[in-house]
Amino acid sequence: IAMSPYRNRNLSVTPLQEFVLDGFGGGPQTQALLFALFLALYVVAALGNLTVIVVITLDARLHSPTYFFLKNLSFLDLCYLSVIYPKALFDLISSTKVITFAGCVTQFFFFSTTITTEAFLLAVMAYDRFVAICSPLRYPISMCPSVCAHLVLGSYCGGCLNSILQASFTFSLPFCSSNHIDHFFCDVPPLLKLACADTTLSELVLFGICGLIIVGTTLVVLVSYGYITVTILRMRSGGGRHKLFSTCGSHVTAVSLCYGTLFVMHAKGAVGSMEQGKAVSEVKDALQRLGRKHTAMGRRVARETQCPEGWMENSDSEPRGAPQTSSTSKWNGVLRTH
């Protein structure tokens, strides 16, 4: 429900047709500097993610579960950037900074979908590393193409379901105090501040949903990497341990950036002001996109060194007499059709 602001202490029945994104303050010089900075970040991150997608698609040697997940992660990054940055860049050089009510709902839906799907997909990638390192002989069966496709599809469905719930609870509130959003895109915290009804229930439900997703996916990551750490420490080869820690470290960095900043941005009272929230959001964007490229480089190192899929070939931790064949632990080319 969207209504115009108070008029003579009564609510107008005229539907609210648009919002105004206040974005960042400052004069023309500040706006120009921010425009140049955000444009550079957007171009670099978008080109980087497009490169990852094209390279993985064209190189048959990268048609494996690990790269299939990385390709989808880069696609989500690209979607996230396209949902937020073009409108923010336009508003920096525009005097109106208006977004329609339907446009605000649409932007929030796709923003929430990409963020939530990323969280689920990062958990899936942690599980993929767990199976590859802790059960390498079962890896071709446990992570077959159909299982990978279902895991990715489930991540997207979970992201869409969360977005539908959050959008329903948020945009069903009556907005009547103002139509100015103190942010550069449509997000829950600034929208709740515009509601003229009691938002306690909505805040509790939304915080509960976000908390459940963050805690659930984080547990999957922690448990997976707990087993991975134990398995690596049992290896007798110091070189093998170093390679595995280096490969998995990039993914752990990306997970930490994603989950940590998500919690700071959405936890009630975690951010002291909206200006700090905007800064945290932008730092999250820049660091996470750079971290994604680090992840991509780590995966390439893993392929070139046959690690972690081929760790049994370089490890002295397996029982004596165990078969030493790379075909049982490495299966690049299985996932040739996505």
C-alpha atoms as a PDB file:
ATOM      1  CA  ILE A   1       0.000   0.000   0.000  1.00  0.00           C
ATOM      2  CA  ALA A   2       1.495   3.333  -0.994  1.00  0.00           C
ATOM      3  CA  MET A   3      -0.121   6.660  -0.131  1.00  0.00           C
ATOM      4  CA  SER A   4       0.844  10.267  -0.460  1.00  0.00           C
ATOM      5  CA  PRO A   5       2.240  12.166   2.549  1.00  0.00           C
ATOM      6  CA  TYR A   6       0.080  13.646   5.272  1.00  0.00           C
ATOM      7  CA  ARG A   7      -2.218  16.455   4.262  1.00  0.00           C
ATOM      8  CA  ASN A   8      -3.950  18.319   7.069  1.00  0.00           C
ATOM      9  CA  ARG A   9      -3.253  15.387   9.385  1.00  0.00           C
ATOM     10  CA  ASN A  10      -5.189  13.044   7.125  1.00  0.00           C
ATOM     11  CA  LEU A  11      -3.861  10.439   4.725  1.00  0.00           C
ATOM     12  CA  SER A  12      -4.490  11.089   1.079  1.00  0.00           C
ATOM     13  CA  VAL A  13      -6.028   8.235  -0.847  1.00  0.00           C
ATOM     14  CA  THR A  14      -3.891   9.101  -3.878  1.00  0.00           C
ATOM     15  CA  PRO A  15      -1.503   6.202  -4.503  1.00  0.00           C
ATOM     16  CA  LEU A  16       2.192   6.959  -4.235  1.00  0.00           C
ATOM     17  CA  GLN A  17       3.526   6.614  -7.755  1.00  0.00           C
ATOM     18  CA  GLU A  18       7.233   7.220  -7.263  1.00  0.00           C
ATOM     19  CA  PHE A  19      10.129   7.488  -4.839  1.00  0.00           C
ATOM     20  CA  VAL A  20      13.103   9.853  -4.789  1.00  0.00           C
ATOM     21  CA  LEU A  21      16.536   8.278  -4.250  1.00  0.00           C
ATOM     22  CA  ASP A  22      18.518  10.823  -2.250  1.00  0.00           C
ATOM     23  CA  GLY A  23      21.741   8.854  -2.702  1.00  0.00           C
ATOM     24  CA  PHE A  24      24.965  10.517  -1.601  1.00  0.00           C
ATOM     25  CA  GLY A  25      25.142  14.153  -0.600  1.00  0.00           C
ATOM     26  CA  GLY A  26      27.693  16.717  -1.662  1.00  0.00           C
ATOM     27  CA  GLY A  27      28.121  19.337  -4.331  1.00  0.00           C
ATOM     28  CA  PRO A  28      28.677  18.967  -8.080  1.00  0.00           C
ATOM     29  CA  GLN A  29      32.373  18.196  -7.655  1.00  0.00           C
ATOM     30  CA  THR A  30      31.646  15.411  -5.157  1.00  0.00           C
ATOM     31  CA  GLN A  31      28.957  14.001  -7.432  1.00  0.00           C
ATOM     32  CA  ALA A  32      31.346  14.042 -10.398  1.00  0.00           C
ATOM     33  CA  LEU A  33      34.055  12.286  -8.387  1.00  0.00           C
ATOM     34  CA  LEU A  34      31.615   9.616  -7.225  1.00  0.00           C
ATOM     35  CA  PHE A  35      30.370   9.162 -10.784  1.00  0.00           C
ATOM     36  CA  ALA A  36      33.891   8.554 -12.073  1.00  0.00           C
ATOM     37  CA  LEU A  37      34.685   6.178  -9.207  1.00  0.00           C
ATOM     38  CA  PHE A  38      31.490   4.128  -9.539  1.00  0.00           C
ATOM     39  CA  LEU A  39      31.743   4.032 -13.325  1.00  0.00           C
ATOM     40  CA  ALA A  40      35.298   2.676 -13.111  1.00  0.00           C
ATOM     41  CA  LEU A  41      34.255   0.065 -10.552  1.00  0.00           C
ATOM     42  CA  TYR A  42      31.276  -0.970 -12.645  1.00  0.00           C
ATOM     43  CA  VAL A  43      33.222  -1.289 -15.905  1.00  0.00           C
ATOM     44  CA  VAL A  44      36.114  -3.213 -14.358  1.00  0.00           C
ATOM     45  CA  ALA A  45      33.868  -5.586 -12.401  1.00  0.00           C
ATOM     46  CA  ALA A  46      31.469  -6.151 -15.302  1.00  0.00           C
ATOM     47  CA  LEU A  47      34.276  -6.856 -17.783  1.00  0.00           C
ATOM     48  CA  GLY A  48      35.965  -9.153 -15.280  1.00  0.00           C
ATOM     49  CA  ASN A  49      32.832 -11.223 -14.753  1.00  0.00           C
ATOM     50  CA  LEU A  50      32.097 -11.335 -18.488  1.00  0.00           C
ATOM     51  CA  THR A  51      35.645 -12.564 -19.091  1.00  0.00           C
ATOM     52  CA  VAL A  52      35.242 -15.347 -16.543  1.00  0.00           C
ATOM     53  CA  ILE A  53      31.944 -16.442 -18.134  1.00  0.00           C
ATOM     54  CA  VAL A  54      33.326 -16.411 -21.692  1.00  0.00           C
ATOM     55  CA  VAL A  55      36.567 -18.205 -20.802  1.00  0.00           C
ATOM     56  CA  ILE A  56      34.800 -20.970 -18.876  1.00  0.00           C
ATOM     57  CA  THR A  57      32.248 -21.394 -21.682  1.00  0.00           C
ATOM     58  CA  LEU A  58      34.802 -21.620 -24.488  1.00  0.00           C
ATOM     59  CA  ASP A  59      37.554 -23.642 -22.760  1.00  0.00           C
ATOM     60  CA  ALA A  60      36.547 -27.307 -22.698  1.00  0.00           C
ATOM     61  CA  ARG A  61      39.172 -28.026 -20.031  1.00  0.00           C
ATOM     62  CA  LEU A  62      37.154 -25.883 -17.609  1.00  0.00           C
ATOM     63  CA  HIS A  63      33.896 -27.794 -18.035  1.00  0.00           C
ATOM     64  CA  SER A  64      33.903 -29.207 -14.515  1.00  0.00           C
ATOM     65  CA  PRO A  65      31.630 -28.678 -11.477  1.00  0.00           C
ATOM     66  CA  THR A  66      33.975 -26.180  -9.839  1.00  0.00           C
ATOM     67  CA  TYR A  67      34.020 -23.910 -12.871  1.00  0.00           C
ATOM     68  CA  PHE A  68      30.309 -24.445 -13.493  1.00  0.00           C
ATOM     69  CA  PHE A  69      29.597 -22.978 -10.050  1.00  0.00           C
ATOM     70  CA  LEU A  70      32.132 -20.185 -10.612  1.00  0.00           C
ATOM     71  CA  LYS A  71      30.469 -19.336 -13.931  1.00  0.00           C
ATOM     72  CA  ASN A  72      27.087 -18.977 -12.236  1.00  0.00           C
ATOM     73  CA  LEU A  73      28.646 -16.912  -9.460  1.00  0.00           C
ATOM     74  CA  SER A  74      30.093 -14.517 -12.022  1.00  0.00           C
ATOM     75  CA  PHE A  75      26.701 -14.329 -13.736  1.00  0.00           C
ATOM     76  CA  LEU A  76      25.089 -13.367 -10.420  1.00  0.00           C
ATOM     77  CA  ASP A  77      27.760 -10.723  -9.870  1.00  0.00           C
ATOM     78  CA  LEU A  78      27.029  -9.273 -13.292  1.00  0.00           C
ATOM     79  CA  CYS A  79      23.290  -9.214 -12.596  1.00  0.00           C
ATOM     80  CA  TYR A  80      23.835  -7.562  -9.214  1.00  0.00           C
ATOM     81  CA  LEU A  81      26.007  -4.856 -10.764  1.00  0.00           C
ATOM     82  CA  SER A  82      23.472  -4.233 -13.531  1.00  0.00           C
ATOM     83  CA  VAL A  83      20.623  -3.894 -11.040  1.00  0.00           C
ATOM     84  CA  ILE A  84      22.360  -1.300  -8.828  1.00  0.00           C
ATOM     85  CA  TYR A  85      25.024   0.671 -10.683  1.00  0.00           C
ATOM     86  CA  PRO A  86      23.344   1.952 -13.894  1.00  0.00           C
ATOM     87  CA  LYS A  87      20.555   3.666 -11.936  1.00  0.00           C
ATOM     88  CA  ALA A  88      23.002   5.008  -9.336  1.00  0.00           C
ATOM     89  CA  LEU A  89      25.254   6.398 -12.079  1.00  0.00           C
ATOM     90  CA  PHE A  90      22.308   8.045 -13.806  1.00  0.00           C
ATOM     91  CA  ASP A  91      21.142   9.643 -10.550  1.00  0.00           C
ATOM     92  CA  LEU A  92      24.594  11.115  -9.930  1.00  0.00           C
ATOM     93  CA  ILE A  93      24.307  13.219 -13.089  1.00  0.00           C
ATOM     94  CA  SER A  94      20.552  13.793 -12.879  1.00  0.00           C
ATOM     95  CA  SER A  95      18.644  16.385 -10.864  1.00  0.00           C
ATOM     96  CA  THR A  96      15.434  14.347 -10.449  1.00  0.00           C
ATOM     97  CA  LYS A  97      16.666  10.993  -9.051  1.00  0.00           C
ATOM     98  CA  VAL A  98      13.155   9.582  -9.314  1.00  0.00           C
ATOM     99  CA  ILE A  99      12.241   5.884  -9.430  1.00  0.00           C
ATOM    100  CA  THR A 100       8.699   4.635  -9.937  1.00  0.00           C
ATOM    101  CA  PHE A 101       6.990   2.479  -7.342  1.00  0.00           C
ATOM    102  CA  ALA A 102       7.009  -0.510  -9.731  1.00  0.00           C
ATOM    103  CA  GLY A 103      10.643   0.179 -10.576  1.00  0.00           C
ATOM    104  CA  CYS A 104      11.550   0.234  -6.901  1.00  0.00           C
ATOM    105  CA  VAL A 105       9.827  -3.114  -6.338  1.00  0.00           C
ATOM    106  CA  THR A 106      11.574  -4.600  -9.379  1.00  0.00           C
ATOM    107  CA  GLN A 107      15.000  -3.309  -8.357  1.00  0.00           C
ATOM    108  CA  PHE A 108      14.625  -4.611  -4.821  1.00  0.00           C
ATOM    109  CA  PHE A 109      13.385  -8.018  -6.037  1.00  0.00           C
ATOM    110  CA  PHE A 110      16.366  -8.642  -8.324  1.00  0.00           C
ATOM    111  CA  PHE A 111      18.816  -7.152  -5.819  1.00  0.00           C
ATOM    112  CA  SER A 112      17.564  -9.489  -3.086  1.00  0.00           C
ATOM    113  CA  THR A 113      17.467 -12.461  -5.476  1.00  0.00           C
ATOM    114  CA  THR A 114      21.087 -12.085  -6.569  1.00  0.00           C
ATOM    115  CA  ILE A 115      22.404 -11.533  -3.048  1.00  0.00           C
ATOM    116  CA  THR A 116      20.522 -14.505  -1.571  1.00  0.00           C
ATOM    117  CA  THR A 117      21.386 -16.810  -4.468  1.00  0.00           C
ATOM    118  CA  GLU A 118      25.056 -15.893  -4.051  1.00  0.00           C
ATOM    119  CA  ALA A 119      24.901 -16.938  -0.396  1.00  0.00           C
ATOM    120  CA  PHE A 120      23.391 -20.302  -1.311  1.00  0.00           C
ATOM    121  CA  LEU A 121      25.838 -20.816  -4.173  1.00  0.00           C
ATOM    122  CA  LEU A 122      28.856 -20.066  -1.975  1.00  0.00           C
ATOM    123  CA  ALA A 123      27.622 -22.782   0.389  1.00  0.00           C
ATOM    124  CA  VAL A 124      27.278 -25.152  -2.572  1.00  0.00           C
ATOM    125  CA  MET A 125      30.856 -24.378  -3.637  1.00  0.00           C
ATOM    126  CA  ALA A 126      32.079 -25.154  -0.116  1.00  0.00           C
ATOM    127  CA  TYR A 127      30.298 -28.518  -0.291  1.00  0.00           C
ATOM    128  CA  ASP A 128      31.892 -29.116  -3.710  1.00  0.00           C
ATOM    129  CA  ARG A 129      35.363 -28.559  -2.215  1.00  0.00           C
ATOM    130  CA  PHE A 130      34.481 -30.828   0.712  1.00  0.00           C
ATOM    131  CA  VAL A 131      33.554 -33.722  -1.582  1.00  0.00           C
ATOM    132  CA  ALA A 132      36.559 -33.152  -3.874  1.00  0.00           C
ATOM    133  CA  ILE A 133      39.105 -33.170  -1.035  1.00  0.00           C
ATOM    134  CA  CYS A 134      37.577 -35.489   1.549  1.00  0.00           C
ATOM    135  CA  SER A 135      36.015 -38.058  -0.814  1.00  0.00           C
ATOM    136  CA  PRO A 136      37.872 -37.740  -4.136  1.00  0.00           C
ATOM    137  CA  LEU A 137      36.981 -41.244  -5.348  1.00  0.00           C
ATOM    138  CA  ARG A 138      33.260 -40.507  -4.954  1.00  0.00           C
ATOM    139  CA  TYR A 139      33.525 -37.042  -6.500  1.00  0.00           C
ATOM    140  CA  PRO A 140      32.474 -38.003 -10.074  1.00  0.00           C
ATOM    141  CA  ILE A 141      29.307 -39.627  -8.702  1.00  0.00           C
ATOM    142  CA  SER A 142      28.481 -37.168  -5.917  1.00  0.00           C
ATOM    143  CA  MET A 143      28.938 -34.121  -8.162  1.00  0.00           C
ATOM    144  CA  CYS A 144      27.646 -35.464 -11.458  1.00  0.00           C
ATOM    145  CA  PRO A 145      26.145 -32.986 -13.969  1.00  0.00           C
ATOM    146  CA  SER A 146      22.554 -33.562 -12.854  1.00  0.00           C
ATOM    147  CA  VAL A 147      23.433 -33.001  -9.175  1.00  0.00           C
ATOM    148  CA  CYS A 148      25.306 -29.786 -10.032  1.00  0.00           C
ATOM    149  CA  ALA A 149      22.397 -28.504 -12.102  1.00  0.00           C
ATOM    150  CA  HIS A 150      19.926 -29.241  -9.289  1.00  0.00           C
ATOM    151  CA  LEU A 151      22.142 -27.512  -6.717  1.00  0.00           C
ATOM    152  CA  VAL A 152      22.358 -24.378  -8.840  1.00  0.00           C
ATOM    153  CA  LEU A 153      18.639 -24.460  -9.620  1.00  0.00           C
ATOM    154  CA  GLY A 154      17.861 -24.851  -5.931  1.00  0.00           C
ATOM    155  CA  SER A 155      20.030 -21.826  -5.137  1.00  0.00           C
ATOM    156  CA  TYR A 156      18.134 -19.685  -7.640  1.00  0.00           C
ATOM    157  CA  CYS A 157      14.762 -20.918  -6.348  1.00  0.00           C
ATOM    158  CA  GLY A 158      15.785 -20.150  -2.758  1.00  0.00           C
ATOM    159  CA  GLY A 159      16.860 -16.651  -3.791  1.00  0.00           C
ATOM    160  CA  CYS A 160      13.571 -15.993  -5.600  1.00  0.00           C
ATOM    161  CA  LEU A 161      11.493 -17.284  -2.689  1.00  0.00           C
ATOM    162  CA  ASN A 162      13.326 -15.057  -0.222  1.00  0.00           C
ATOM    163  CA  SER A 163      12.863 -12.044  -2.510  1.00  0.00           C
ATOM    164  CA  ILE A 164       9.144 -12.677  -2.857  1.00  0.00           C
ATOM    165  CA  LEU A 165       8.732 -12.885   0.918  1.00  0.00           C
ATOM    166  CA  GLN A 166      10.799  -9.767   1.612  1.00  0.00           C
ATOM    167  CA  ALA A 167       9.111  -7.747  -1.131  1.00  0.00           C
ATOM    168  CA  SER A 168       5.664  -8.794   0.095  1.00  0.00           C
ATOM    169  CA  PHE A 169       6.341  -7.778   3.705  1.00  0.00           C
ATOM    170  CA  THR A 170       8.099  -4.540   2.738  1.00  0.00           C
ATOM    171  CA  PHE A 171       5.900  -3.110  -0.008  1.00  0.00           C
ATOM    172  CA  SER A 172       2.613  -4.059   1.642  1.00  0.00           C
ATOM    173  CA  LEU A 173       3.313  -1.394   4.284  1.00  0.00           C
ATOM    174  CA  PRO A 174       1.687   2.063   3.951  1.00  0.00           C
ATOM    175  CA  PHE A 175       4.301   4.629   2.923  1.00  0.00           C
ATOM    176  CA  CYS A 176       2.996   8.007   3.954  1.00  0.00           C
ATOM    177  CA  SER A 177       5.674   9.873   5.919  1.00  0.00           C
ATOM    178  CA  SER A 178       7.741  10.732   2.835  1.00  0.00           C
ATOM    179  CA  ASN A 179       8.709   9.423  -0.572  1.00  0.00           C
ATOM    180  CA  HIS A 180      12.433  10.210  -0.196  1.00  0.00           C
ATOM    181  CA  ILE A 181      14.602   7.085   0.175  1.00  0.00           C
ATOM    182  CA  ASP A 182      17.855   7.842   1.988  1.00  0.00           C
ATOM    183  CA  HIS A 183      19.872   5.484  -0.187  1.00  0.00           C
ATOM    184  CA  PHE A 184      21.042   5.128  -3.776  1.00  0.00           C
ATOM    185  CA  PHE A 185      18.847   2.056  -4.405  1.00  0.00           C
ATOM    186  CA  CYS A 186      15.707   0.466  -2.977  1.00  0.00           C
ATOM    187  CA  ASP A 187      16.565  -1.589   0.116  1.00  0.00           C
ATOM    188  CA  VAL A 188      14.654  -2.704   3.198  1.00  0.00           C
ATOM    189  CA  PRO A 189      16.098  -0.472   5.976  1.00  0.00           C
ATOM    190  CA  PRO A 190      15.458   2.902   4.278  1.00  0.00           C
ATOM    191  CA  LEU A 191      12.043   1.769   3.020  1.00  0.00           C
ATOM    192  CA  LEU A 192      10.922   0.740   6.497  1.00  0.00           C
ATOM    193  CA  LYS A 193      11.744   4.235   7.721  1.00  0.00           C
ATOM    194  CA  LEU A 194       9.136   5.624   5.319  1.00  0.00           C
ATOM    195  CA  ALA A 195       6.317   3.445   6.635  1.00  0.00           C
ATOM    196  CA  CYS A 196       3.683   5.137   8.789  1.00  0.00           C
ATOM    197  CA  ALA A 197       2.534   1.846  10.343  1.00  0.00           C
ATOM    198  CA  ASP A 198       4.152  -0.290  13.035  1.00  0.00           C
ATOM    199  CA  THR A 199       7.020  -2.142  11.356  1.00  0.00           C
ATOM    200  CA  THR A 200       8.040  -4.286  14.334  1.00  0.00           C
ATOM    201  CA  LEU A 201       6.495  -7.474  12.978  1.00  0.00           C
ATOM    202  CA  SER A 202       7.883  -6.916   9.490  1.00  0.00           C
ATOM    203  CA  GLU A 203      11.357  -6.218  10.878  1.00  0.00           C
ATOM    204  CA  LEU A 204      11.292  -9.357  13.011  1.00  0.00           C
ATOM    205  CA  VAL A 205      10.124 -11.547  10.132  1.00  0.00           C
ATOM    206  CA  LEU A 206      12.616 -10.090   7.655  1.00  0.00           C
ATOM    207  CA  PHE A 207      15.460 -10.263  10.155  1.00  0.00           C
ATOM    208  CA  GLY A 208      14.500 -13.858  10.982  1.00  0.00           C
ATOM    209  CA  ILE A 209      14.518 -14.872   7.304  1.00  0.00           C
ATOM    210  CA  CYS A 210      17.878 -13.200   6.646  1.00  0.00           C
ATOM    211  CA  GLY A 211      19.323 -14.619   9.846  1.00  0.00           C
ATOM    212  CA  LEU A 212      18.169 -18.136   8.971  1.00  0.00           C
ATOM    213  CA  ILE A 213      19.737 -17.924   5.514  1.00  0.00           C
ATOM    214  CA  ILE A 214      23.012 -16.453   6.755  1.00  0.00           C
ATOM    215  CA  VAL A 215      23.344 -18.857   9.697  1.00  0.00           C
ATOM    216  CA  GLY A 216      22.312 -21.902   7.646  1.00  0.00           C
ATOM    217  CA  THR A 217      24.671 -21.283   4.744  1.00  0.00           C
ATOM    218  CA  THR A 218      27.481 -20.253   7.084  1.00  0.00           C
ATOM    219  CA  LEU A 219      27.140 -23.540   8.979  1.00  0.00           C
ATOM    220  CA  VAL A 220      27.437 -25.457   5.708  1.00  0.00           C
ATOM    221  CA  VAL A 221      30.615 -23.538   4.874  1.00  0.00           C
ATOM    222  CA  LEU A 222      32.116 -23.942   8.357  1.00  0.00           C
ATOM    223  CA  VAL A 223      31.368 -27.664   8.589  1.00  0.00           C
ATOM    224  CA  SER A 224      32.699 -28.282   5.064  1.00  0.00           C
ATOM    225  CA  TYR A 225      35.923 -26.408   5.680  1.00  0.00           C
ATOM    226  CA  GLY A 226      36.263 -27.971   9.107  1.00  0.00           C
ATOM    227  CA  TYR A 227      36.424 -31.411   7.498  1.00  0.00           C
ATOM    228  CA  ILE A 228      38.668 -30.033   4.730  1.00  0.00           C
ATOM    229  CA  THR A 229      41.114 -28.604   7.280  1.00  0.00           C
ATOM    230  CA  VAL A 230      41.300 -31.893   9.178  1.00  0.00           C
ATOM    231  CA  THR A 231      41.873 -33.807   5.946  1.00  0.00           C
ATOM    232  CA  ILE A 232      44.626 -31.431   4.804  1.00  0.00           C
ATOM    233  CA  LEU A 233      46.411 -31.510   8.163  1.00  0.00           C
ATOM    234  CA  ARG A 234      46.528 -35.304   7.988  1.00  0.00           C
ATOM    235  CA  MET A 235      48.504 -35.146   4.752  1.00  0.00           C
ATOM    236  CA  ARG A 236      52.209 -35.857   5.031  1.00  0.00           C
ATOM    237  CA  SER A 237      53.164 -33.770   2.022  1.00  0.00           C
ATOM    238  CA  GLY A 238      53.851 -30.154   3.003  1.00  0.00           C
ATOM    239  CA  GLY A 239      53.632 -29.031  -0.616  1.00  0.00           C
ATOM    240  CA  GLY A 240      50.219 -30.637  -1.021  1.00  0.00           C
ATOM    241  CA  ARG A 241      48.913 -28.937   2.112  1.00  0.00           C
ATOM    242  CA  HIS A 242      50.156 -25.555   0.885  1.00  0.00           C
ATOM    243  CA  LYS A 243      48.507 -25.973  -2.511  1.00  0.00           C
ATOM    244  CA  LEU A 244      45.184 -26.973  -0.990  1.00  0.00           C
ATOM    245  CA  PHE A 245      45.170 -24.143   1.548  1.00  0.00           C
ATOM    246  CA  SER A 246      46.011 -21.633  -1.208  1.00  0.00           C
ATOM    247  CA  THR A 247      43.232 -22.916  -3.449  1.00  0.00           C
ATOM    248  CA  CYS A 248      40.547 -22.923  -0.749  1.00  0.00           C
ATOM    249  CA  GLY A 249      41.688 -19.664   0.832  1.00  0.00           C
ATOM    250  CA  SER A 250      40.285 -17.537  -2.022  1.00  0.00           C
ATOM    251  CA  HIS A 251      36.839 -19.079  -1.584  1.00  0.00           C
ATOM    252  CA  VAL A 252      36.931 -18.531   2.179  1.00  0.00           C
ATOM    253  CA  THR A 253      37.816 -14.867   1.558  1.00  0.00           C
ATOM    254  CA  ALA A 254      34.860 -14.423  -0.790  1.00  0.00           C
ATOM    255  CA  VAL A 255      32.531 -16.124   1.694  1.00  0.00           C
ATOM    256  CA  SER A 256      33.736 -13.913   4.542  1.00  0.00           C
ATOM    257  CA  LEU A 257      33.224 -10.743   2.510  1.00  0.00           C
ATOM    258  CA  CYS A 258      29.758 -11.789   1.390  1.00  0.00           C
ATOM    259  CA  TYR A 259      28.341 -13.021   4.710  1.00  0.00           C
ATOM    260  CA  GLY A 260      30.108 -10.467   6.894  1.00  0.00           C
ATOM    261  CA  THR A 261      28.932  -7.420   4.977  1.00  0.00           C
ATOM    262  CA  LEU A 262      25.430  -8.848   4.541  1.00  0.00           C
ATOM    263  CA  PHE A 263      25.087  -9.174   8.303  1.00  0.00           C
ATOM    264  CA  VAL A 264      26.435  -5.663   8.914  1.00  0.00           C
ATOM    265  CA  MET A 265      24.111  -4.150   6.311  1.00  0.00           C
ATOM    266  CA  HIS A 266      20.894  -5.815   7.464  1.00  0.00           C
ATOM    267  CA  ALA A 267      21.293  -6.479  11.186  1.00  0.00           C
ATOM    268  CA  LYS A 268      19.282  -3.977  13.185  1.00  0.00           C
ATOM    269  CA  GLY A 269      21.565  -1.504  14.879  1.00  0.00           C
ATOM    270  CA  ALA A 270      24.708  -2.934  13.312  1.00  0.00           C
ATOM    271  CA  VAL A 271      25.159   0.161  11.182  1.00  0.00           C
ATOM    272  CA  GLY A 272      25.069   3.426  13.025  1.00  0.00           C
ATOM    273  CA  SER A 273      23.724   5.614  10.194  1.00  0.00           C
ATOM    274  CA  MET A 274      22.472   5.397   6.644  1.00  0.00           C
ATOM    275  CA  GLU A 275      25.607   7.161   5.394  1.00  0.00           C
ATOM    276  CA  GLN A 276      27.727   4.422   6.996  1.00  0.00           C
ATOM    277  CA  GLY A 277      25.408   1.833   5.445  1.00  0.00           C
ATOM    278  CA  LYS A 278      25.980   3.312   2.001  1.00  0.00           C
ATOM    279  CA  ALA A 279      29.745   3.240   2.534  1.00  0.00           C
ATOM    280  CA  VAL A 280      29.624  -0.380   3.728  1.00  0.00           C
ATOM    281  CA  SER A 281      27.554  -1.327   0.696  1.00  0.00           C
ATOM    282  CA  GLU A 282      30.027   0.229  -1.728  1.00  0.00           C
ATOM    283  CA  VAL A 283      33.039  -1.312   0.040  1.00  0.00           C
ATOM    284  CA  LYS A 284      31.267  -4.669  -0.144  1.00  0.00           C
ATOM    285  CA  ASP A 285      30.776  -4.288  -3.889  1.00  0.00           C
ATOM    286  CA  ALA A 286      34.386  -3.358  -4.608  1.00  0.00           C
ATOM    287  CA  LEU A 287      36.012  -5.931  -2.319  1.00  0.00           C
ATOM    288  CA  GLN A 288      33.734  -8.795  -3.243  1.00  0.00           C
ATOM    289  CA  ARG A 289      34.160  -8.304  -6.992  1.00  0.00           C
ATOM    290  CA  LEU A 290      37.930  -8.158  -6.561  1.00  0.00           C
ATOM    291  CA  GLY A 291      37.718 -11.250  -4.349  1.00  0.00           C
ATOM    292  CA  ARG A 292      35.789 -13.046  -7.078  1.00  0.00           C
ATOM    293  CA  LYS A 293      38.650 -12.525  -9.503  1.00  0.00           C
ATOM    294  CA  HIS A 294      41.000 -13.884  -6.826  1.00  0.00           C
ATOM    295  CA  THR A 295      38.748 -16.940  -6.630  1.00  0.00           C
ATOM    296  CA  ALA A 296      38.927 -17.373 -10.398  1.00  0.00           C
ATOM    297  CA  MET A 297      42.722 -17.239 -10.339  1.00  0.00           C
ATOM    298  CA  GLY A 298      42.764 -19.744  -7.486  1.00  0.00           C
ATOM    299  CA  ARG A 299      40.627 -22.140  -9.467  1.00  0.00           C
ATOM    300  CA  ARG A 300      42.994 -21.847 -12.431  1.00  0.00           C
ATOM    301  CA  VAL A 301      45.924 -22.657 -10.147  1.00  0.00           C
ATOM    302  CA  ALA A 302      43.953 -25.665  -8.916  1.00  0.00           C
ATOM    303  CA  ARG A 303      43.491 -26.931 -12.466  1.00  0.00           C
ATOM    304  CA  GLU A 304      47.112 -26.426 -13.472  1.00  0.00           C
ATOM    305  CA  THR A 305      48.417 -28.218 -10.371  1.00  0.00           C
ATOM    306  CA  GLN A 306      45.664 -30.878 -10.351  1.00  0.00           C
ATOM    307  CA  CYS A 307      44.593 -29.656  -6.947  1.00  0.00           C
ATOM    308  CA  PRO A 308      42.409 -30.290  -5.078  1.00  0.00           C
ATOM    309  CA  GLU A 309      40.824 -32.907  -7.345  1.00  0.00           C
ATOM    310  CA  GLY A 310      44.167 -34.646  -7.838  1.00  0.00           C
ATOM    311  CA  TRP A 311      45.496 -34.293  -4.332  1.00  0.00           C
ATOM    312  CA  MET A 312      45.720 -38.061  -3.809  1.00  0.00           C
ATOM    313  CA  GLU A 313      48.397 -38.240  -6.498  1.00  0.00           C
ATOM    314  CA  ASN A 314      50.708 -35.909  -4.547  1.00  0.00           C
ATOM    315  CA  SER A 315      49.781 -36.974  -1.027  1.00  0.00           C
ATOM    316  CA  ASP A 316      51.410 -39.544   1.195  1.00  0.00           C
ATOM    317  CA  SER A 317      48.390 -39.744   3.488  1.00  0.00           C
ATOM    318  CA  GLU A 318      46.458 -42.476   1.652  1.00  0.00           C
ATOM    319  CA  PRO A 319      46.765 -46.126   2.691  1.00  0.00           C
ATOM    320  CA  ARG A 320      49.529 -48.095   1.113  1.00  0.00           C
ATOM    321  CA  GLY A 321      48.454 -50.068  -1.868  1.00  0.00           C
ATOM    322  CA  ALA A 322      45.732 -47.561  -2.756  1.00  0.00           C
ATOM    323  CA  PRO A 323      45.338 -47.037  -6.494  1.00  0.00           C
ATOM    324  CA  GLN A 324      47.304 -44.040  -7.798  1.00  0.00           C
ATOM    325  CA  THR A 325      45.235 -43.119 -10.854  1.00  0.00           C
ATOM    326  CA  SER A 326      44.269 -39.594 -11.712  1.00  0.00           C
ATOM    327  CA  SER A 327      41.205 -40.758 -13.651  1.00  0.00           C
ATOM    328  CA  THR A 328      39.442 -41.666 -10.413  1.00  0.00           C
ATOM    329  CA  SER A 329      39.954 -38.276  -8.844  1.00  0.00           C
ATOM    330  CA  LYS A 330      39.862 -35.797 -11.701  1.00  0.00           C
ATOM    331  CA  TRP A 331      37.135 -35.573 -14.297  1.00  0.00           C
ATOM    332  CA  ASN A 332      37.447 -32.358 -16.281  1.00  0.00           C
ATOM    333  CA  GLY A 333      35.155 -32.446 -19.277  1.00  0.00           C
ATOM    334  CA  VAL A 334      32.272 -34.291 -17.609  1.00  0.00           C
ATOM    335  CA  LEU A 335      30.090 -31.212 -17.383  1.00  0.00           C
ATOM    336  CA  ARG A 336      30.235 -30.154 -21.016  1.00  0.00           C
ATOM    337  CA  THR A 337      26.599 -29.123 -21.256  1.00  0.00           C
ATOM    338  CA  HIS A 338      25.121 -26.744 -18.687  1.00  0.00           C
END
